[in-house]
Protein backbone atom coordinates (compact mmCIF):
# COMPACT_ATOMS: atom_id res chain seq x y z
CA MET A 1 -22.32 -13.24 47.90
CA ASN A 2 -21.00 -15.22 45.00
CA SER A 3 -17.55 -16.81 44.64
CA GLU A 4 -16.08 -14.03 42.64
CA MET A 5 -16.92 -11.51 45.15
CA LYS A 6 -15.32 -13.60 47.95
CA ALA A 7 -12.16 -13.96 45.70
CA ARG A 8 -12.13 -10.13 45.44
CA ILE A 9 -12.26 -9.55 49.07
CA ALA A 10 -9.79 -12.13 50.06
CA LEU A 11 -7.29 -10.83 47.46
CA ALA A 12 -7.80 -7.28 48.84
CA GLY A 13 -7.36 -8.32 52.52
CA TYR A 14 -4.08 -10.10 51.28
CA TRP A 15 -2.80 -6.99 49.78
CA LEU A 16 -3.81 -4.81 52.94
CA THR A 17 -1.90 -7.31 55.10
CA VAL A 18 1.02 -7.05 52.78
CA ILE A 19 0.96 -3.21 53.14
CA PHE A 20 0.53 -3.35 56.95
CA LEU A 21 3.49 -6.05 57.57
CA THR A 22 5.64 -4.20 55.24
CA ALA A 23 4.98 -0.99 57.13
CA SER A 24 5.62 -2.73 60.61
CA ALA A 25 8.79 -4.43 59.40
CA GLY A 26 10.14 -1.15 58.19
CA ALA A 27 9.44 0.35 61.34
CA ILE A 28 10.97 -2.13 63.69
CA ILE A 29 14.09 -2.25 61.32
CA TYR A 30 14.18 1.50 61.43
CA LYS A 31 14.06 1.56 65.21
CA LEU A 32 16.79 -1.29 65.75
CA ILE A 33 18.99 0.81 63.38
CA PHE A 34 18.70 4.36 64.83
CA TRP A 35 18.25 3.19 68.77
CA PRO A 36 21.20 4.53 70.30
CA LEU A 37 23.56 1.76 71.99
CA CYS A 38 24.69 1.87 75.30
CA THR A 39 28.65 1.98 75.81
CA SER A 40 30.74 1.18 78.92
CA SER A 41 32.79 4.47 78.95
CA GLY A 42 29.84 6.81 78.55
CA PRO A 43 27.01 7.68 80.79
CA GLN A 44 24.17 5.14 80.65
CA VAL A 45 20.74 6.61 79.66
CA SER A 46 17.41 4.74 79.86
CA ASN A 47 16.36 4.43 76.29
CA CYS A 48 19.86 2.69 75.12
CA THR A 49 20.16 -1.10 74.17
CA VAL A 50 23.11 -3.21 74.55
CA VAL A 51 23.23 -5.09 71.33
CA ASP A 52 25.67 -5.65 68.73
CA SER A 53 25.37 -5.97 64.94
CA TRP A 54 24.70 -9.60 64.75
CA THR A 55 21.81 -9.04 67.09
CA ILE A 56 20.43 -6.58 65.00
CA ALA A 57 20.56 -8.55 61.84
CA GLY A 58 18.94 -11.60 63.78
CA VAL A 59 16.06 -9.57 64.90
CA THR A 60 15.78 -8.13 61.39
CA ALA A 61 15.70 -11.62 59.87
CA THR A 62 13.29 -12.96 62.49
CA VAL A 63 10.96 -10.07 61.85
CA LEU A 64 11.27 -10.56 57.95
CA GLY A 65 10.73 -14.28 58.41
CA VAL A 66 7.38 -13.91 60.57
CA SER A 67 6.10 -11.36 57.86
CA ALA A 68 6.95 -13.79 55.03
CA THR A 69 5.10 -16.62 56.80
CA LEU A 70 2.07 -14.78 57.41
CA LEU A 71 2.19 -13.45 53.99
CA ALA A 72 2.45 -17.03 52.65
CA ILE A 73 -0.63 -18.25 54.70
CA LEU A 74 -2.80 -15.20 53.84
CA GLY A 75 -1.62 -15.85 50.28
CA ALA A 76 -2.77 -19.48 50.27
CA LEU A 77 -6.07 -18.25 51.59
CA ALA A 78 -6.57 -15.82 48.93
CA VAL A 79 -5.48 -18.36 46.30
CA ALA A 80 -7.77 -20.94 47.95
CA VAL A 81 -10.76 -18.68 47.78
CA TRP A 82 -9.95 -17.71 44.13
CA TRP A 83 -9.64 -21.34 43.14
CA THR A 84 -12.95 -22.21 44.70
CA GLY A 85 -14.84 -19.72 42.43
CA LEU A 86 -12.74 -20.64 39.35
CA GLU A 87 -15.15 -23.45 38.04
CA GLU A 88 -18.04 -20.97 38.30
CA ARG A 89 -16.39 -18.38 36.33
CA VAL A 90 -15.08 -20.49 33.81
CA SER A 91 -18.66 -21.96 33.36
CA LYS A 92 -19.98 -18.52 32.98
CA GLN A 93 -17.40 -17.61 30.40
CA ILE A 94 -17.92 -20.66 28.46
CA ALA A 95 -21.81 -20.27 28.64
CA LYS A 96 -21.05 -16.62 27.10
CA LEU A 97 -18.85 -17.69 24.23
CA VAL A 98 -21.39 -20.41 23.44
CA GLU A 99 -24.24 -18.05 23.41
CA GLU A 100 -22.14 -15.59 21.22
CA GLN A 101 -21.61 -18.61 18.90
CA LYS A 102 -25.14 -19.23 18.55
CA GLN A 103 -26.24 -15.78 17.81
CA GLU A 104 -23.55 -15.94 15.13
CA LEU A 105 -24.75 -19.03 13.83
CA TYR A 106 -28.44 -17.73 13.73
CA LYS A 107 -27.26 -14.60 12.05
CA THR A 108 -25.44 -16.83 9.28
CA ARG A 109 -28.29 -18.96 8.69
CA GLU A 110 -30.63 -15.96 8.32
CA ALA A 111 -28.24 -14.21 5.89
CA LEU A 112 -28.16 -17.46 3.83
CA ILE A 113 -31.97 -17.71 3.76
CA TYR A 114 -31.89 -14.07 2.38
CA MET A 115 -29.18 -14.76 -0.05
CA SER A 116 -31.11 -17.75 -1.43
CA SER A 117 -34.53 -15.83 -1.48
CA GLY A 118 -32.64 -12.97 -3.42
CA ASP A 119 -31.12 -15.34 -5.83
CA GLN A 120 -34.23 -16.88 -6.52
CA LEU A 121 -35.95 -13.46 -7.06
CA LEU A 122 -33.34 -12.44 -9.42
CA SER A 123 -33.65 -15.43 -11.58
CA GLN A 124 -37.41 -14.29 -11.88
CA LYS A 125 -36.15 -10.70 -12.67
CA GLN A 126 -37.75 -9.26 -9.57
CA VAL A 127 -34.64 -7.13 -9.05
CA THR A 128 -35.98 -4.54 -6.54
CA GLU A 129 -37.36 -7.43 -4.25
CA ALA A 130 -34.05 -9.43 -4.68
CA LEU A 131 -32.03 -6.08 -3.73
CA GLU A 132 -33.73 -5.67 -0.53
CA ASP A 133 -33.07 -9.52 0.40
CA PHE A 134 -29.30 -9.08 -0.47
CA LYS A 135 -29.04 -5.82 1.76
CA LYS A 136 -31.06 -7.50 4.59
CA ALA A 137 -28.36 -10.44 4.48
CA LYS A 138 -25.32 -7.72 4.33
CA ASN A 139 -26.92 -6.01 7.60
CA LEU A 140 -26.91 -9.17 9.52
CA LEU A 141 -23.06 -9.81 8.67
CA PRO A 142 -21.79 -6.37 7.79
CA LYS A 143 -18.13 -7.12 7.74
CA ASP A 144 -18.13 -10.66 6.55
CA PRO A 145 -15.54 -10.90 3.63
CA HIS A 146 -16.87 -13.90 1.94
CA LEU A 147 -20.53 -12.53 2.17
CA ASN A 148 -19.72 -9.23 0.75
CA TYR A 149 -17.69 -10.56 -2.05
CA VAL A 150 -20.67 -12.61 -3.09
CA LEU A 151 -23.04 -9.78 -2.63
CA SER A 152 -21.05 -7.59 -4.95
CA ASN A 153 -21.54 -9.91 -7.79
CA TYR A 154 -25.33 -9.53 -7.52
CA PHE A 155 -25.20 -5.81 -6.99
CA LEU A 156 -22.82 -5.54 -10.28
CA ASP A 157 -25.20 -7.71 -12.23
CA VAL A 158 -28.14 -5.50 -11.61
CA GLY A 159 -26.16 -2.23 -11.99
CA ASP A 160 -26.08 -1.22 -8.51
CA TYR A 161 -22.41 0.02 -8.67
CA ASN A 162 -22.24 2.10 -5.71
CA THR A 163 -23.60 -0.66 -3.33
CA ALA A 164 -21.21 -3.36 -5.05
CA ILE A 165 -18.23 -1.10 -4.17
CA ALA A 166 -19.42 -0.49 -0.50
CA ALA A 167 -19.71 -4.31 -0.36
CA LEU A 168 -16.11 -4.91 -1.97
CA ASN A 169 -14.67 -2.35 0.62
CA ASP A 170 -15.86 -4.32 3.48
CA ALA A 171 -14.41 -7.40 2.03
CA GLN A 172 -11.02 -7.65 3.65
CA PHE A 173 -9.31 -10.71 3.38
CA ARG A 174 -5.92 -11.52 5.07
CA ASP A 175 -4.82 -13.87 2.10
CA VAL A 176 -3.16 -11.85 -0.77
CA VAL A 177 -4.81 -13.80 -3.59
CA ASP A 178 -8.11 -13.40 -2.02
CA GLN A 179 -7.60 -9.90 -1.45
CA ALA A 180 -6.53 -9.54 -5.04
CA LYS A 181 -9.96 -10.94 -6.27
CA VAL A 182 -11.42 -7.93 -4.46
CA GLN A 183 -9.12 -5.27 -6.08
CA ARG A 184 -9.90 -6.85 -9.41
CA LYS A 185 -13.84 -6.87 -8.75
CA LEU A 186 -13.29 -3.07 -7.51
CA GLY A 187 -11.60 -2.57 -10.77
CA LEU A 188 -14.58 -3.84 -12.61
CA ALA A 189 -17.09 -2.07 -10.38
CA TYR A 190 -15.39 1.27 -11.00
CA ARG A 191 -15.05 0.63 -14.89
CA HIS A 192 -18.91 0.15 -14.99
CA ARG A 193 -19.65 3.34 -12.96
CA TRP A 194 -17.17 5.10 -15.40
CA GLU A 195 -19.01 3.67 -18.40
CA ASP A 196 -22.35 4.91 -16.53
CA LEU A 197 -21.38 8.41 -15.42
CA LYS A 198 -18.43 9.11 -17.54
CA ARG A 199 -16.29 10.39 -14.71
CA ASP A 200 -12.59 10.26 -15.19
CA GLN A 201 -11.84 9.74 -11.54
CA ASP A 202 -13.85 6.33 -11.92
CA PHE A 203 -11.41 5.30 -14.73
CA ASP A 204 -8.38 6.21 -12.69
CA LEU A 205 -9.70 3.92 -9.69
CA ALA A 206 -10.55 1.22 -12.19
CA LEU A 207 -7.05 1.21 -13.56
CA GLN A 208 -5.48 1.67 -10.17
CA TYR A 209 -7.32 -1.31 -8.45
CA LEU A 210 -6.71 -3.50 -11.50
CA LYS A 211 -3.03 -2.82 -11.59
CA ASP A 212 -2.87 -3.43 -7.87
CA ALA A 213 -4.72 -6.76 -8.32
CA ALA A 214 -2.22 -7.71 -11.03
CA ILE A 215 0.64 -7.02 -8.84
CA SER A 216 -0.81 -8.91 -6.08
CA ASN A 217 -1.46 -11.93 -8.10
CA PRO A 218 0.27 -11.92 -11.38
CA ASN A 219 -1.07 -15.36 -12.25
CA ASP A 220 -4.63 -14.18 -12.56
CA SER A 221 -5.57 -13.92 -16.29
CA LYS A 222 -8.91 -12.40 -15.47
CA THR A 223 -7.29 -9.35 -14.20
CA PHE A 224 -5.19 -8.66 -17.49
CA THR A 225 -8.25 -9.35 -19.54
CA LEU A 226 -10.16 -6.64 -17.57
CA LEU A 227 -7.04 -4.36 -18.09
CA GLY A 228 -7.38 -4.96 -21.86
CA GLY A 229 -11.26 -4.31 -21.77
CA LEU A 230 -10.71 -1.00 -19.84
CA TYR A 231 -8.24 0.26 -22.50
CA ARG A 232 -10.46 -0.89 -25.20
CA ARG A 233 -13.29 1.24 -23.95
CA LYS A 234 -10.90 4.01 -23.75
CA HIS A 235 -10.10 3.38 -27.45
CA GLU A 236 -6.46 2.84 -26.67
CA TYR A 237 -6.43 -0.42 -28.89
CA ASP A 238 -2.56 -1.11 -29.10
CA GLU A 239 -2.57 -0.87 -25.19
CA ALA A 240 -5.59 -3.18 -24.94
CA LEU A 241 -4.16 -5.62 -27.21
CA HIS A 242 -0.95 -5.72 -25.03
CA TRP A 243 -2.81 -6.62 -21.88
CA TYR A 244 -5.05 -9.17 -23.72
CA ASP A 245 -1.87 -10.95 -24.98
CA ARG A 246 -0.50 -10.97 -21.47
CA ALA A 247 -3.83 -12.61 -20.34
CA ARG A 248 -3.38 -15.28 -23.07
CA HIS A 249 -0.05 -16.24 -22.08
CA ILE A 250 -1.37 -16.79 -18.45
CA ASP A 251 -4.30 -18.87 -19.52
CA GLN A 252 -3.54 -22.46 -18.50
CA ALA A 253 -6.49 -23.40 -21.17
CA PRO A 254 -7.21 -21.26 -24.11
CA SER A 255 -10.20 -18.57 -23.28
CA SER A 256 -12.53 -17.87 -26.05
CA TYR A 257 -13.20 -14.33 -24.34
CA THR A 258 -9.45 -13.34 -24.46
CA LEU A 259 -8.79 -14.77 -27.91
CA GLY A 260 -12.14 -13.37 -29.26
CA HIS A 261 -11.26 -9.87 -28.04
CA ILE A 262 -7.85 -10.11 -29.80
CA ALA A 263 -9.46 -11.31 -32.95
CA THR A 264 -11.90 -8.41 -33.06
CA LEU A 265 -9.41 -5.68 -32.48
CA LEU A 266 -7.21 -7.01 -35.11
CA TRP A 267 -10.18 -7.07 -37.48
CA PHE A 268 -10.96 -3.64 -36.51
CA GLN A 269 -7.37 -2.50 -37.31
CA GLY A 270 -7.58 -4.29 -40.75
CA LYS A 271 -5.12 -7.27 -39.96
CA VAL A 272 -7.68 -9.67 -41.36
CA SER A 273 -5.51 -12.56 -41.77
CA GLU A 274 -4.10 -12.43 -38.53
CA ALA A 275 -7.65 -12.09 -37.09
CA ARG A 276 -9.06 -15.05 -38.75
CA LYS A 277 -6.13 -16.86 -37.20
CA TYR A 278 -7.56 -15.89 -33.63
CA PHE A 279 -10.96 -16.34 -34.57
CA TYR A 280 -10.35 -19.93 -35.41
CA GLU A 281 -8.90 -20.39 -32.17
CA THR A 282 -11.79 -18.79 -30.50
CA GLU A 283 -14.12 -21.07 -32.05
CA ALA A 284 -12.31 -24.28 -30.93
CA ALA A 285 -12.07 -22.82 -27.45
CA ALA A 286 -15.68 -21.71 -27.17
CA THR A 287 -16.86 -25.25 -28.28
CA ALA A 288 -14.80 -27.05 -25.65
CA LEU A 289 -16.07 -24.57 -23.06
CA ILE A 290 -19.76 -25.05 -24.18
CA LYS A 291 -19.34 -28.91 -23.52
CA LYS A 292 -18.55 -28.36 -19.94
CA ARG A 293 -21.76 -26.55 -19.42
CA PRO A 294 -20.48 -23.53 -16.92
CA SER A 295 -22.91 -21.42 -15.11
CA GLU A 296 -22.41 -18.42 -17.57
CA VAL A 297 -22.43 -20.47 -20.84
CA TYR A 298 -23.99 -17.81 -22.64
CA TRP A 299 -21.03 -15.94 -23.11
CA TYR A 300 -19.36 -18.94 -24.99
CA TYR A 301 -22.29 -18.96 -27.45
CA PHE A 302 -21.63 -15.29 -28.12
CA ASP A 303 -17.92 -16.07 -28.92
CA LEU A 304 -19.02 -19.10 -30.80
CA GLY A 305 -21.64 -16.95 -32.89
CA LEU A 306 -19.11 -14.26 -33.94
CA THR A 307 -16.65 -16.92 -35.14
CA GLN A 308 -19.31 -18.53 -37.28
CA LEU A 309 -20.30 -15.21 -38.49
CA VAL A 310 -16.78 -14.56 -39.57
CA ALA A 311 -16.55 -17.88 -41.11
CA GLY A 312 -19.81 -17.06 -43.61
CA LYS A 313 -22.00 -19.34 -41.37
CA ILE A 314 -24.61 -16.80 -40.93
CA ASP A 315 -27.55 -19.20 -40.23
CA ALA A 316 -25.52 -20.95 -37.68
CA ALA A 317 -24.12 -17.76 -36.11
CA LYS A 318 -27.79 -16.31 -35.83
CA LEU A 319 -28.85 -19.68 -33.96
CA SER A 320 -25.88 -19.16 -31.52
CA TYR A 321 -26.72 -15.59 -30.82
CA GLU A 322 -30.48 -16.33 -30.26
CA LYS A 323 -29.52 -19.12 -27.83
CA ALA A 324 -26.96 -16.75 -26.17
CA ILE A 325 -29.70 -14.06 -25.79
CA GLN A 326 -32.26 -16.36 -24.12
CA MET A 327 -29.62 -17.36 -21.60
CA THR A 328 -28.43 -13.79 -20.82
CA PRO A 329 -30.09 -12.56 -17.54
CA PHE A 330 -29.61 -8.77 -17.75
CA THR A 331 -29.43 -6.48 -20.87
CA SER A 332 -26.34 -4.66 -19.33
CA GLN A 333 -24.41 -7.66 -20.57
CA LEU A 334 -25.68 -7.31 -23.95
CA ASP A 335 -25.10 -3.60 -23.99
CA THR A 336 -21.59 -3.22 -22.57
CA THR A 337 -19.91 -6.13 -24.27
CA ILE A 338 -21.52 -8.03 -26.93
CA LEU A 339 -22.91 -4.85 -28.92
CA GLU A 340 -19.67 -2.69 -28.26
CA ASP A 341 -17.79 -5.43 -30.06
CA LEU A 342 -19.81 -5.54 -32.96
CA TYR A 343 -20.16 -1.93 -33.47
CA LEU A 344 -16.58 -1.88 -33.41
CA ILE A 345 -16.16 -4.47 -36.03
CA ARG A 346 -18.80 -2.55 -38.21
CA GLN A 347 -16.22 0.42 -38.30
CA ALA A 348 -13.30 -1.99 -39.76
CA PRO A 349 -12.21 -1.43 -43.12
CA GLN A 350 -13.02 -4.97 -43.93
CA PRO A 351 -16.95 -5.66 -43.88
CA MET A 352 -18.24 -8.63 -42.24
CA PRO A 353 -21.50 -10.30 -44.02
CA GLY A 354 -24.51 -10.74 -41.73
CA LEU A 355 -23.13 -8.30 -39.06
CA ASP A 356 -25.88 -5.86 -39.33
CA GLU A 357 -28.59 -8.42 -39.01
CA ILE A 358 -26.92 -9.78 -35.79
CA ILE A 359 -26.75 -6.31 -34.38
CA LYS A 360 -30.40 -5.82 -35.02
CA LEU A 361 -31.11 -8.98 -33.35
CA ILE A 362 -29.33 -8.02 -30.33
CA GLU A 363 -30.68 -4.37 -30.29
CA HIS A 364 -34.21 -5.81 -30.40
CA ALA A 365 -33.50 -8.10 -27.54
CA THR A 366 -32.03 -5.49 -25.45
CA ALA A 367 -35.06 -3.41 -25.91
CA SER A 368 -37.49 -6.03 -25.16
CA MET A 369 -35.77 -7.53 -22.03
């Protein structure tokens, strides 16, 4: 019989004794109260008692005192038995918690291995195998918010929008700013799915999530830039310019992405002088960002190439675009962003020399990737 069972038996005995003594004390008190008193004037009966109220009170106090003493002794014994097994129970609980933590660490380590393997496979353009590893990582830690958020980026990159949305729905952060990033990413995922399937409800969801993210974190310029891009794809260009301009004022450092889209829309609207001003600012921002060598530096080479094209430096623009294409991991990024902007510029009243050559370059790269 282990200590836990002994403690339970002792506590059960204690409570049974409490019940028994309480019942006994109640019976004695009841008898004392309702036992008929003998009187000097009336006839004497055999079952009467000659007592006064003080005697009854004294007997009652004695009964209660004895009961309390017995309960205290039994309670102390029960506590002693319980305390004797405490160390064993604590040790078992600690061992259980340690084992749970070990299992969690094993799962985390295995998930990280799958993440690393998937990332390597993705860099080698083995998309199917990479997705399998990413999904294995998610199955190990299905509700981990950080893991799901990171995985959503991979799923978005390869065009698996449904899985990306599912991962983001499992990424629930307590911090408002972190959760705003999830909302922003959900807006992007639904935008991609809207572009892919042309369903109006996906556009509405994208808009709602992006606006929720803007409310949750009004200092995140990326959210406002995505709102501008969403309206641009809806061909609501004035609304798009409004959101791009808000992003520009939030940016702590000039963003060639934001500035470049403002310039592109202004060029499309025929506001060439104003567009050239923003293209000039785009070139300065892109050049500064390229020097920092960020992980997605190819975006800034695309921005730089467009500004060079506007300036009439067609050969330099071609070199920048070729360098950007070599660094771009997925064709979807060329289709949904770069070519869309160039097609828009081609519709502008003001022609841009060398534009068709650059469009053919990118179209060829898209077909061969």
